[in-house]
C-alpha cells in the first residue's frame, strides 16, 4: 500500500509538473503576443511621429523658400538704390577729382 501511495504521489507530481509546464508555455505565448503588439504599436507611433516631423519640415522649407524670394527682391531693390546713390555721388565729385588729378599731374615739383 505504501508503494501504491508512492506511485500515486509520483503520478500527482508528474501531473502537477505537466500542468505547470502548460501554464509556463501559455504565459510565454502570451508574452510573445504582447511583445508583438507592443512592437506594432511602437512602429505605428514612430511612423506617425516621422510623418509629423516631415510635414513640419516641409512647411518650414516652404516658408523659408517663400521668404527667400522676398528677401532676394528686397536685397535687389536695396542694391539698386545704393548703386544709384553711389553713381549720383560720383557724378557730383568727378569733376573736382579730375581737376585735382590734372593739377597734380601737370605740376612739376623740384
PDB file of N, CA and C in Angstrom:
ATOM      1  N   UNK A   1       0.805  -1.168   0.000  1.00  0.00           N
ATOM      2  CA  UNK A   1       0.000   0.000   0.000  1.00  0.00           C
ATOM      3  C   UNK A   1       0.864   1.254   0.000  1.00  0.00           C
ATOM      4  N   UNK A   2       1.948   1.176   0.676  1.00  0.00           N
ATOM      5  CA  UNK A   2       2.863   2.299   0.702  1.00  0.00           C
ATOM      6  C   UNK A   2       3.444   2.524  -0.682  1.00  0.00           C
ATOM      7  N   UNK A   3       3.666   1.446  -1.395  1.00  0.00           N
ATOM      8  CA  UNK A   3       4.230   1.599  -2.717  1.00  0.00           C
ATOM      9  C   UNK A   3       3.208   2.175  -3.678  1.00  0.00           C
ATOM     10  N   UNK A   4       1.941   1.810  -3.560  1.00  0.00           N
ATOM     11  CA  UNK A   4       0.919   2.390  -4.432  1.00  0.00           C
ATOM     12  C   UNK A   4       0.701   3.850  -4.074  1.00  0.00           C
ATOM     13  N   UNK A   5       0.864   4.120  -2.795  1.00  0.00           N
ATOM     14  CA  UNK A   5       0.748   5.507  -2.359  1.00  0.00           C
ATOM     15  C   UNK A   5       1.885   6.337  -2.932  1.00  0.00           C
ATOM     16  N   UNK A   6       3.087   5.771  -2.969  1.00  0.00           N
ATOM     17  CA  UNK A   6       4.251   6.428  -3.539  1.00  0.00           C
ATOM     18  C   UNK A   6       4.066   6.617  -5.031  1.00  0.00           C
ATOM     19  N   UNK A   7       3.506   5.583  -5.684  1.00  0.00           N
ATOM     20  CA  UNK A   7       3.239   5.693  -7.113  1.00  0.00           C
ATOM     21  C   UNK A   7       2.211   6.782  -7.386  1.00  0.00           C
ATOM     22  N   UNK A   8       1.189   6.860  -6.552  1.00  0.00           N
ATOM     23  CA  UNK A   8       0.164   7.888  -6.702  1.00  0.00           C
ATOM     24  C   UNK A   8       0.749   9.268  -6.491  1.00  0.00           C
ATOM     25  N   UNK A   9       1.656   9.384  -5.537  1.00  0.00           N
ATOM     26  CA  UNK A   9       2.312  10.668  -5.275  1.00  0.00           C
ATOM     27  C   UNK A   9       3.181  11.091  -6.456  1.00  0.00           C
ATOM     28  N   UNK A  10       3.871  10.088  -7.013  1.00  0.00           N
ATOM     29  CA  UNK A  10       4.717  10.386  -8.176  1.00  0.00           C
ATOM     30  C   UNK A  10       3.839  10.815  -9.353  1.00  0.00           C
ATOM     31  N   UNK A  11       2.719  10.094  -9.519  1.00  0.00           N
ATOM     32  CA  UNK A  11       1.805  10.446 -10.600  1.00  0.00           C
ATOM     33  C   UNK A  11       1.254  11.862 -10.404  1.00  0.00           C
ATOM     34  N   UNK A  12       0.954  12.196  -9.167  1.00  0.00           N
ATOM     35  CA  UNK A  12       0.461  13.544  -8.877  1.00  0.00           C
ATOM     36  C   UNK A  12       1.531  14.593  -9.183  1.00  0.00           C
ATOM     37  N   UNK A  13       2.762  14.268  -8.806  1.00  0.00           N
ATOM     38  CA  UNK A  13       3.867  15.188  -9.082  1.00  0.00           C
ATOM     39  C   UNK A  13       4.063  15.359 -10.587  1.00  0.00           C
ATOM     40  N   UNK A  14       4.009  14.271 -11.327  1.00  0.00           N
ATOM     41  CA  UNK A  14       4.156  14.351 -12.770  1.00  0.00           C
ATOM     42  C   UNK A  14       3.018  15.156 -13.394  1.00  0.00           C
ATOM     43  N   UNK A  15       1.821  14.944 -12.913  1.00  0.00           N
ATOM     44  CA  UNK A  15       0.670  15.686 -13.436  1.00  0.00           C
ATOM     45  C   UNK A  15       0.813  17.171 -13.101  1.00  0.00           C
ATOM     46  N   UNK A  16       1.255  17.475 -11.881  1.00  0.00           N
ATOM     47  CA  UNK A  16       1.450  18.866 -11.474  1.00  0.00           C
ATOM     48  C   UNK A  16       2.555  19.511 -12.306  1.00  0.00           C
ATOM     49  N   UNK A  17       3.621  18.746 -12.600  1.00  0.00           N
ATOM     50  CA  UNK A  17       4.707  19.268 -13.422  1.00  0.00           C
ATOM     51  C   UNK A  17       4.225  19.556 -14.844  1.00  0.00           C
ATOM     52  N   UNK A  18       3.417  18.665 -15.377  1.00  0.00           N
ATOM     53  CA  UNK A  18       2.875  18.880 -16.712  1.00  0.00           C
ATOM     54  C   UNK A  18       1.957  20.101 -16.734  1.00  0.00           C
ATOM     55  N   UNK A  19       1.153  20.222 -15.707  1.00  0.00           N
ATOM     56  CA  UNK A  19       0.243  21.381 -15.620  1.00  0.00           C
ATOM     57  C   UNK A  19       1.044  22.679 -15.503  1.00  0.00           C
ATOM     58  N   UNK A  20       2.100  22.641 -14.694  1.00  0.00           N
ATOM     59  CA  UNK A  20       2.951  23.823 -14.541  1.00  0.00           C
ATOM     60  C   UNK A  20       3.620  24.160 -15.876  1.00  0.00           C
ATOM     61  N   UNK A  21       4.064  23.138 -16.604  1.00  0.00           N
ATOM     62  CA  UNK A  21       4.687  23.354 -17.906  1.00  0.00           C
ATOM     63  C   UNK A  21       3.694  23.990 -18.874  1.00  0.00           C
ATOM     64  N   UNK A  22       2.438  23.548 -18.852  1.00  0.00           N
ATOM     65  CA  UNK A  22       1.406  24.141 -19.703  1.00  0.00           C
ATOM     66  C   UNK A  22       1.172  25.600 -19.347  1.00  0.00           C
ATOM     67  N   UNK A  23       1.150  25.887 -18.050  1.00  0.00           N
ATOM     68  CA  UNK A  23       0.943  27.262 -17.594  1.00  0.00           C
ATOM     69  C   UNK A  23       2.107  28.145 -18.035  1.00  0.00           C
ATOM     70  N   UNK A  24       3.343  27.642 -17.896  1.00  0.00           N
ATOM     71  CA  UNK A  24       4.527  28.402 -18.290  1.00  0.00           C
ATOM     72  C   UNK A  24       4.515  28.643 -19.800  1.00  0.00           C
ATOM     73  N   UNK A  25       4.183  27.612 -20.566  1.00  0.00           N
ATOM     74  CA  UNK A  25       4.125  27.763 -22.027  1.00  0.00           C
ATOM     75  C   UNK A  25       3.057  28.776 -22.431  1.00  0.00           C
ATOM     76  N   UNK A  26       1.905  28.727 -21.781  1.00  0.00           N
ATOM     77  CA  UNK A  26       0.836  29.676 -22.082  1.00  0.00           C
ATOM     78  C   UNK A  26       1.291  31.098 -21.749  1.00  0.00           C
ATOM     79  N   UNK A  27       1.986  31.260 -20.631  1.00  0.00           N
ATOM     80  CA  UNK A  27       2.482  32.580 -20.235  1.00  0.00           C
ATOM     81  C   UNK A  27       3.514  33.085 -21.251  1.00  0.00           C
ATOM     82  N   UNK A  28       4.394  32.193 -21.728  1.00  0.00           N
ATOM     83  CA  UNK A  28       5.382  32.586 -22.733  1.00  0.00           C
ATOM     84  C   UNK A  28       4.697  33.033 -24.018  1.00  0.00           C
ATOM     85  N   UNK A  29       3.701  32.266 -24.426  1.00  0.00           N
ATOM     86  CA  UNK A  29       2.978  32.626 -25.651  1.00  0.00           C
ATOM     87  C   UNK A  29       2.280  33.974 -25.505  1.00  0.00           C
ATOM     88  N   UNK A  30       1.662  34.198 -24.359  1.00  0.00           N
ATOM     89  CA  UNK A  30       1.005  35.484 -24.120  1.00  0.00           C
ATOM     90  C   UNK A  30       2.020  36.625 -24.116  1.00  0.00           C
ATOM     91  N   UNK A  31       3.181  36.353 -23.539  1.00  0.00           N
ATOM     92  CA  UNK A  31       4.237  37.363 -23.508  1.00  0.00           C
ATOM     93  C   UNK A  31       4.695  37.691 -24.927  1.00  0.00           C
ATOM     94  N   UNK A  32       4.891  36.683 -25.762  1.00  0.00           N
ATOM     95  CA  UNK A  32       5.293  36.908 -27.147  1.00  0.00           C
ATOM     96  C   UNK A  32       4.239  37.716 -27.894  1.00  0.00           C
ATOM     97  N   UNK A  33       2.974  37.389 -27.665  1.00  0.00           N
ATOM     98  CA  UNK A  33       1.886  38.118 -28.315  1.00  0.00           C
ATOM     99  C   UNK A  33       1.902  39.577 -27.880  1.00  0.00           C
ATOM    100  N   UNK A  34       2.070  39.815 -26.564  1.00  0.00           N
ATOM    101  CA  UNK A  34       2.122  41.191 -26.058  1.00  0.00           C
ATOM    102  C   UNK A  34       3.316  41.948 -26.638  1.00  0.00           C
ATOM    103  N   UNK A  35       4.470  41.272 -26.741  1.00  0.00           N
ATOM    104  CA  UNK A  35       5.656  41.919 -27.307  1.00  0.00           C
ATOM    105  C   UNK A  35       5.431  42.289 -28.770  1.00  0.00           C
ATOM    106  N   UNK A  36       4.792  41.397 -29.533  1.00  0.00           N
ATOM    107  CA  UNK A  36       4.499  41.703 -30.937  1.00  0.00           C
ATOM    108  C   UNK A  36       3.550  42.893 -31.039  1.00  0.00           C
ATOM    109  N   UNK A  37       2.538  42.909 -30.177  1.00  0.00           N
ATOM    110  CA  UNK A  37       1.588  44.028 -30.182  1.00  0.00           C
ATOM    111  C   UNK A  37       2.296  45.331 -29.818  1.00  0.00           C
ATOM    112  N   UNK A  38       3.158  45.273 -28.811  1.00  0.00           N
ATOM    113  CA  UNK A  38       3.888  46.475 -28.395  1.00  0.00           C
ATOM    114  C   UNK A  38       4.791  46.961 -29.521  1.00  0.00           C
ATOM    115  N   UNK A  39       5.424  46.029 -30.218  1.00  0.00           N
ATOM    116  CA  UNK A  39       6.299  46.398 -31.330  1.00  0.00           C
ATOM    117  C   UNK A  39       5.481  47.053 -32.443  1.00  0.00           C
ATOM    118  N   UNK A  40       4.334  46.492 -32.777  1.00  0.00           N
ATOM    119  CA  UNK A  40       3.482  47.064 -33.823  1.00  0.00           C
ATOM    120  C   UNK A  40       3.006  48.458 -33.433  1.00  0.00           C
ATOM    121  N   UNK A  41       2.605  48.624 -32.173  1.00  0.00           N
ATOM    122  CA  UNK A  41       2.161  49.934 -31.709  1.00  0.00           C
ATOM    123  C   UNK A  41       3.304  50.947 -31.766  1.00  0.00           C
ATOM    124  N   UNK A  42       4.487  50.515 -31.356  1.00  0.00           N
ATOM    125  CA  UNK A  42       5.643  51.410 -31.387  1.00  0.00           C
ATOM    126  C   UNK A  42       5.968  51.807 -32.829  1.00  0.00           C
ATOM    127  N   UNK A  43       5.891  50.859 -33.748  1.00  0.00           N
ATOM    128  CA  UNK A  43       6.158  51.175 -35.155  1.00  0.00           C
ATOM    129  C   UNK A  43       5.128  52.160 -35.696  1.00  0.00           C
ATOM    130  N   UNK A  44       3.868  51.997 -35.289  1.00  0.00           N
ATOM    131  CA  UNK A  44       2.832  52.940 -35.715  1.00  0.00           C
ATOM    132  C   UNK A  44       3.115  54.334 -35.167  1.00  0.00           C
ATOM    133  N   UNK A  45       3.496  54.408 -33.891  1.00  0.00           N
ATOM    134  CA  UNK A  45       3.806  55.706 -33.281  1.00  0.00           C
ATOM    135  C   UNK A  45       5.009  56.346 -33.963  1.00  0.00           C
ATOM    136  N   UNK A  46       6.017  55.540 -34.274  1.00  0.00           N
ATOM    137  CA  UNK A  46       7.203  56.062 -34.938  1.00  0.00           C
ATOM    138  C   UNK A  46       6.842  56.596 -36.325  1.00  0.00           C
ATOM    139  N   UNK A  47       6.019  55.844 -37.043  1.00  0.00           N
ATOM    140  CA  UNK A  47       5.606  56.276 -38.377  1.00  0.00           C
ATOM    141  C   UNK A  47       4.819  57.580 -38.302  1.00  0.00           C
ATOM    142  N   UNK A  48       3.932  57.682 -37.314  1.00  0.00           N
ATOM    143  CA  UNK A  48       3.142  58.905 -37.160  1.00  0.00           C
ATOM    144  C   UNK A  48       4.050  60.081 -36.798  1.00  0.00           C
ATOM    145  N   UNK A  49       4.996  59.864 -35.900  1.00  0.00           N
ATOM    146  CA  UNK A  49       5.921  60.923 -35.497  1.00  0.00           C
ATOM    147  C   UNK A  49       6.780  61.349 -36.684  1.00  0.00           C
ATOM    148  N   UNK A  50       7.267  60.367 -37.436  1.00  0.00           N
ATOM    149  CA  UNK A  50       8.092  60.672 -38.601  1.00  0.00           C
ATOM    150  C   UNK A  50       7.293  61.484 -39.618  1.00  0.00           C
ATOM    151  N   UNK A  51       6.041  61.101 -39.839  1.00  0.00           N
ATOM    152  CA  UNK A  51       5.196  61.830 -40.789  1.00  0.00           C
ATOM    153  C   UNK A  51       4.957  63.262 -40.307  1.00  0.00           C
ATOM    154  N   UNK A  52       4.733  63.418 -39.008  1.00  0.00           N
ATOM    155  CA  UNK A  52       4.510  64.758 -38.448  1.00  0.00           C
ATOM    156  C   UNK A  52       5.758  65.619 -38.616  1.00  0.00           C
ATOM    157  N   UNK A  53       6.929  65.063 -38.319  1.00  0.00           N
ATOM    158  CA  UNK A  53       8.180  65.805 -38.456  1.00  0.00           C
ATOM    159  C   UNK A  53       8.434  66.162 -39.922  1.00  0.00           C
ATOM    160  N   UNK A  54       8.111  65.238 -40.826  1.00  0.00           N
ATOM    161  CA  UNK A  54       8.301  65.503 -42.253  1.00  0.00           C
ATOM    162  C   UNK A  54       7.388  66.631 -42.714  1.00  0.00           C
ATOM    163  N   UNK A  55       6.120  66.626 -42.247  1.00  0.00           N
ATOM    164  CA  UNK A  55       5.196  67.701 -42.606  1.00  0.00           C
ATOM    165  C   UNK A  55       5.700  69.043 -42.087  1.00  0.00           C
ATOM    166  N   UNK A  56       6.182  69.046 -40.849  1.00  0.00           N
ATOM    167  CA  UNK A  56       6.686  70.291 -40.272  1.00  0.00           C
ATOM    168  C   UNK A  56       7.929  70.775 -41.023  1.00  0.00           C
ATOM    169  N   UNK A  57       8.794  69.850 -41.379  1.00  0.00           N
ATOM    170  CA  UNK A  57       9.986  70.206 -42.145  1.00  0.00           C
ATOM    171  C   UNK A  57       9.596  70.799 -43.492  1.00  0.00           C
ATOM    172  N   UNK A  58       8.674  70.154 -44.186  1.00  0.00           N
ATOM    173  CA  UNK A  58       8.232  70.656 -45.489  1.00  0.00           C
ATOM    174  C   UNK A  58       7.596  72.038 -45.357  1.00  0.00           C
ATOM    175  N   UNK A  59       6.833  72.238 -44.273  1.00  0.00           N
ATOM    176  CA  UNK A  59       6.215  73.543 -44.048  1.00  0.00           C
ATOM    177  C   UNK A  59       7.287  74.606 -43.844  1.00  0.00           C
ATOM    178  N   UNK A  60       8.303  74.294 -43.048  1.00  0.00           N
ATOM    179  CA  UNK A  60       9.381  75.258 -42.806  1.00  0.00           C
ATOM    180  C   UNK A  60      10.172  75.533 -44.076  1.00  0.00           C
ATOM    181  N   UNK A  61      10.394  74.499 -44.870  1.00  0.00           N
ATOM    182  CA  UNK A  61      11.096  74.697 -46.138  1.00  0.00           C
ATOM    183  C   UNK A  61      10.287  75.614 -47.037  1.00  0.00           C
ATOM    184  N   UNK A  62       8.971  75.380 -47.090  1.00  0.00           N
ATOM    185  CA  UNK A  62       8.110  76.210 -47.929  1.00  0.00           C
ATOM    186  C   UNK A  62       8.120  77.658 -47.435  1.00  0.00           C
ATOM    187  N   UNK A  63       8.062  77.836 -46.124  1.00  0.00           N
ATOM    188  CA  UNK A  63       8.083  79.195 -45.565  1.00  0.00           C
ATOM    189  C   UNK A  63       9.402  79.887 -45.866  1.00  0.00           C
ATOM    190  N   UNK A  64      10.490  79.179 -45.676  1.00  0.00           N
ATOM    191  CA  UNK A  64      11.798  79.812 -45.878  1.00  0.00           C
ATOM    192  C   UNK A  64      12.051  80.076 -47.353  1.00  0.00           C
ATOM    193  N   UNK A  65      11.577  79.219 -48.219  1.00  0.00           N
ATOM    194  CA  UNK A  65      11.785  79.477 -49.644  1.00  0.00           C
ATOM    195  C   UNK A  65      10.923  80.645 -50.101  1.00  0.00           C
ATOM    196  N   UNK A  66       9.741  80.775 -49.524  1.00  0.00           N
ATOM    197  CA  UNK A  66       8.911  81.934 -49.831  1.00  0.00           C
ATOM    198  C   UNK A  66       9.570  83.208 -49.344  1.00  0.00           C
ATOM    199  N   UNK A  67      10.118  83.167 -48.168  1.00  0.00           N
ATOM    200  CA  UNK A  67      10.828  84.321 -47.617  1.00  0.00           C
ATOM    201  C   UNK A  67      12.079  84.605 -48.436  1.00  0.00           C
ATOM    202  N   UNK A  68      12.688  83.568 -48.943  1.00  0.00           N
ATOM    203  CA  UNK A  68      13.911  83.744 -49.716  1.00  0.00           C
ATOM    204  C   UNK A  68      13.643  84.586 -50.954  1.00  0.00           C
ATOM    205  N   UNK A  69      12.544  84.317 -51.633  1.00  0.00           N
ATOM    206  CA  UNK A  69      12.185  85.126 -52.796  1.00  0.00           C
ATOM    207  C   UNK A  69      11.950  86.569 -52.431  1.00  0.00           C
ATOM    208  N   UNK A  70      11.261  86.789 -51.335  1.00  0.00           N
ATOM    209  CA  UNK A  70      11.007  88.155 -50.873  1.00  0.00           C
ATOM    210  C   UNK A  70      12.312  88.827 -50.471  1.00  0.00           C
ATOM    211  N   UNK A  71      13.183  88.079 -49.816  1.00  0.00           N
ATOM    212  CA  UNK A  71      14.476  88.639 -49.405  1.00  0.00           C
ATOM    213  C   UNK A  71      15.323  89.001 -50.616  1.00  0.00           C
ATOM    214  N   UNK A  72      15.287  88.163 -51.628  1.00  0.00           N
ATOM    215  CA  UNK A  72      16.071  88.450 -52.832  1.00  0.00           C
ATOM    216  C   UNK A  72      15.574  89.735 -53.478  1.00  0.00           C
ATOM    217  N   UNK A  73      14.270  89.874 -53.588  1.00  0.00           N
ATOM    218  CA  UNK A  73      13.720  91.092 -54.187  1.00  0.00           C
ATOM    219  C   UNK A  73      14.076  92.325 -53.365  1.00  0.00           C
ATOM    220  N   UNK A  74      13.970  92.188 -52.049  1.00  0.00           N
ATOM    221  CA  UNK A  74      14.304  93.314 -51.171  1.00  0.00           C
ATOM    222  C   UNK A  74      15.774  93.686 -51.314  1.00  0.00           C
ATOM    223  N   UNK A  75      16.641  92.683 -51.336  1.00  0.00           N
ATOM    224  CA  UNK A  75      18.076  92.948 -51.480  1.00  0.00           C
ATOM    225  C   UNK A  75      18.402  93.561 -52.834  1.00  0.00           C
ATOM    226  N   UNK A  76      17.718  93.106 -53.885  1.00  0.00           N
ATOM    227  CA  UNK A  76      17.953  93.693 -55.202  1.00  0.00           C
ATOM    228  C   UNK A  76      17.558  95.171 -55.215  1.00  0.00           C
ATOM    229  N   UNK A  77      16.426  95.493 -54.584  1.00  0.00           N
ATOM    230  CA  UNK A  77      15.994  96.893 -54.520  1.00  0.00           C
ATOM    231  C   UNK A  77      16.995  97.735 -53.745  1.00  0.00           C
ATOM    232  N   UNK A  78      17.453  97.213 -52.592  1.00  0.00           N
ATOM    233  CA  UNK A  78      18.426  97.945 -51.789  1.00  0.00           C
ATOM    234  C   UNK A  78      19.737  98.136 -52.561  1.00  0.00           C
ATOM    235  N   UNK A  79      20.160  97.090 -53.259  1.00  0.00           N
ATOM    236  CA  UNK A  79      21.402  97.184 -54.030  1.00  0.00           C
ATOM    237  C   UNK A  79      21.270  98.208 -55.150  1.00  0.00           C
ATOM    238  N   UNK A  80      20.143  98.157 -55.864  1.00  0.00           N
ATOM    239  CA  UNK A  80      19.923  99.135 -56.937  1.00  0.00           C
ATOM    240  C   UNK A  80      19.913 100.556 -56.393  1.00  0.00           C
ATOM    241  N   UNK A  81      19.277 100.749 -55.234  1.00  0.00           N
ATOM    242  CA  UNK A  81      19.228 102.083 -54.637  1.00  0.00           C
ATOM    243  C   UNK A  81      20.629 102.546 -54.240  1.00  0.00           C
ATOM    244  N   UNK A  82      21.430 101.672 -53.692  1.00  0.00           N
ATOM    245  CA  UNK A  82      22.794 102.036 -53.304  1.00  0.00           C
ATOM    246  C   UNK A  82      23.649 102.347 -54.531  1.00  0.00           C
ATOM    247  N   UNK A  83      23.492 101.537 -55.577  1.00  0.00           N
ATOM    248  CA  UNK A  83      24.249 101.789 -56.808  1.00  0.00           C
ATOM    249  C   UNK A  83      23.871 103.148 -57.382  1.00  0.00           C
ATOM    250  N   UNK A  84      22.591 103.436 -57.424  1.00  0.00           N
ATOM    251  CA  UNK A  84      22.121 104.727 -57.936  1.00  0.00           C
ATOM    252  C   UNK A  84      22.697 105.873 -57.099  1.00  0.00           C
ATOM    253  N   UNK A  85      22.675 105.714 -55.786  1.00  0.00           N
ATOM    254  CA  UNK A  85      23.209 106.736 -54.884  1.00  0.00           C
ATOM    255  C   UNK A  85      24.706 106.932 -55.133  1.00  0.00           C
ATOM    256  N   UNK A  86      25.457 105.836 -55.252  1.00  0.00           N
ATOM    257  CA  UNK A  86      26.901 105.958 -55.484  1.00  0.00           C
ATOM    258  C   UNK A  86      27.198 106.607 -56.827  1.00  0.00           C
ATOM    259  N   UNK A  87      26.433 106.271 -57.856  1.00  0.00           N
ATOM    260  CA  UNK A  87      26.640 106.907 -59.162  1.00  0.00           C
ATOM    261  C   UNK A  87      26.369 108.401 -59.086  1.00  0.00           C
ATOM    262  N   UNK A  88      25.308 108.772 -58.395  1.00  0.00           N
ATOM    263  CA  UNK A  88      24.975 110.192 -58.260  1.00  0.00           C
ATOM    264  C   UNK A  88      26.084 110.923 -57.509  1.00  0.00           C
ATOM    265  N   UNK A  89      26.588 110.341 -56.433  1.00  0.00           N
ATOM    266  CA  UNK A  89      27.666 110.966 -55.658  1.00  0.00           C
ATOM    267  C   UNK A  89      28.934 111.067 -56.490  1.00  0.00           C
ATOM    268  N   UNK A  90      29.224 110.022 -57.260  1.00  0.00           N
ATOM    269  CA  UNK A  90      30.445 110.066 -58.069  1.00  0.00           C
ATOM    270  C   UNK A  90      30.340 111.121 -59.174  1.00  0.00           C
ATOM    271  N   UNK A  91      29.156 111.299 -59.729  1.00  0.00           N
ATOM    272  CA  UNK A  91      28.971 112.349 -60.742  1.00  0.00           C
ATOM    273  C   UNK A  91      29.164 113.739 -60.145  1.00  0.00           C
ATOM    274  N   UNK A  92      28.741 113.887 -58.900  1.00  0.00           N
ATOM    275  CA  UNK A  92      28.898 115.189 -58.242  1.00  0.00           C
ATOM    276  C   UNK A  92      30.368 115.547 -58.055  1.00  0.00           C
ATOM    277  N   UNK A  93      31.173 114.561 -57.656  1.00  0.00           N
ATOM    278  CA  UNK A  93      32.559 114.876 -57.313  1.00  0.00           C
ATOM    279  C   UNK A  93      33.557 114.533 -58.411  1.00  0.00           C
ATOM    280  N   UNK A  94      33.099 113.927 -59.502  1.00  0.00           N
ATOM    281  CA  UNK A  94      34.049 113.506 -60.532  1.00  0.00           C
ATOM    282  C   UNK A  94      34.767 114.704 -61.169  1.00  0.00           C
ATOM    283  N   UNK A  95      34.068 115.788 -61.370  1.00  0.00           N
ATOM    284  CA  UNK A  95      34.715 116.975 -61.941  1.00  0.00           C
ATOM    285  C   UNK A  95      35.840 117.473 -61.063  1.00  0.00           C
ATOM    286  N   UNK A  96      35.615 117.553 -59.774  1.00  0.00           N
ATOM    287  CA  UNK A  96      36.643 118.012 -58.839  1.00  0.00           C
ATOM    288  C   UNK A  96      37.816 117.057 -58.775  1.00  0.00           C
ATOM    289  N   UNK A  97      37.546 115.763 -58.839  1.00  0.00           N
ATOM    290  CA  UNK A  97      38.615 114.766 -58.793  1.00  0.00           C
ATOM    291  C   UNK A  97      39.462 114.868 -60.047  1.00  0.00           C
ATOM    292  N   UNK A  98      38.834 115.040 -61.201  1.00  0.00           N
ATOM    293  CA  UNK A  98      39.576 115.180 -62.461  1.00  0.00           C
ATOM    294  C   UNK A  98      40.464 116.418 -62.403  1.00  0.00           C
ATOM    295  N   UNK A  99      39.938 117.516 -61.910  1.00  0.00           N
ATOM    296  CA  UNK A  99      40.724 118.743 -61.801  1.00  0.00           C
ATOM    297  C   UNK A  99      41.911 118.543 -60.862  1.00  0.00           C
ATOM    298  N   UNK A 100      41.681 117.880 -59.741  1.00  0.00           N
ATOM    299  CA  UNK A 100      42.757 117.640 -58.781  1.00  0.00           C
ATOM    300  C   UNK A 100      43.830 116.759 -59.413  1.00  0.00           C
ATOM    301  N   UNK A 101      43.433 115.709 -60.133  1.00  0.00           N
ATOM    302  CA  UNK A 101      44.407 114.835 -60.778  1.00  0.00           C
ATOM    303  C   UNK A 101      45.202 115.594 -61.845  1.00  0.00           C
ATOM    304  N   UNK A 102      44.514 116.386 -62.639  1.00  0.00           N
ATOM    305  CA  UNK A 102      45.211 117.163 -63.660  1.00  0.00           C
ATOM    306  C   UNK A 102      46.194 118.143 -63.027  1.00  0.00           C
ATOM    307  N   UNK A 103      45.796 118.746 -61.956  1.00  0.00           N
ATOM    308  CA  UNK A 103      46.670 119.702 -61.262  1.00  0.00           C
ATOM    309  C   UNK A 103      47.934 119.003 -60.802  1.00  0.00           C
ATOM    310  N   UNK A 104      47.786 117.813 -60.187  1.00  0.00           N
ATOM    311  CA  UNK A 104      48.949 117.095 -59.668  1.00  0.00           C
ATOM    312  C   UNK A 104      49.808 116.511 -60.789  1.00  0.00           C
ATOM    313  N   UNK A 105      49.187 116.102 -61.858  1.00  0.00           N
ATOM    314  CA  UNK A 105      49.946 115.507 -62.948  1.00  0.00           C
ATOM    315  C   UNK A 105      50.702 116.572 -63.729  1.00  0.00           C
ATOM    316  N   UNK A 106      50.079 117.697 -63.912  1.00  0.00           N
ATOM    317  CA  UNK A 106      50.716 118.729 -64.740  1.00  0.00           C
ATOM    318  C   UNK A 106      51.667 119.625 -63.960  1.00  0.00           C
ATOM    319  N   UNK A 107      51.628 119.607 -62.684  1.00  0.00           N
ATOM    320  CA  UNK A 107      52.533 120.473 -61.923  1.00  0.00           C
ATOM    321  C   UNK A 107      53.871 119.754 -61.746  1.00  0.00           C
ATOM    322  N   UNK A 108      54.932 120.513 -61.918  1.00  0.00           N
ATOM    323  CA  UNK A 108      56.282 119.949 -61.799  1.00  0.00           C
ATOM    324  C   UNK A 108      56.854 120.425 -60.472  1.00  0.00           C
ATOM    325  N   UNK A 109      57.367 119.467 -59.738  1.00  0.00           N
ATOM    326  CA  UNK A 109      57.987 119.818 -58.469  1.00  0.00           C
ATOM    327  C   UNK A 109      59.452 119.474 -58.533  1.00  0.00           C
ATOM    328  N   UNK A 110      60.260 120.336 -57.941  1.00  0.00           N
ATOM    329  CA  UNK A 110      61.713 120.120 -57.938  1.00  0.00           C
ATOM    330  C   UNK A 110      62.113 119.331 -56.738  1.00  0.00           C
TER     331      UNK A 110
END
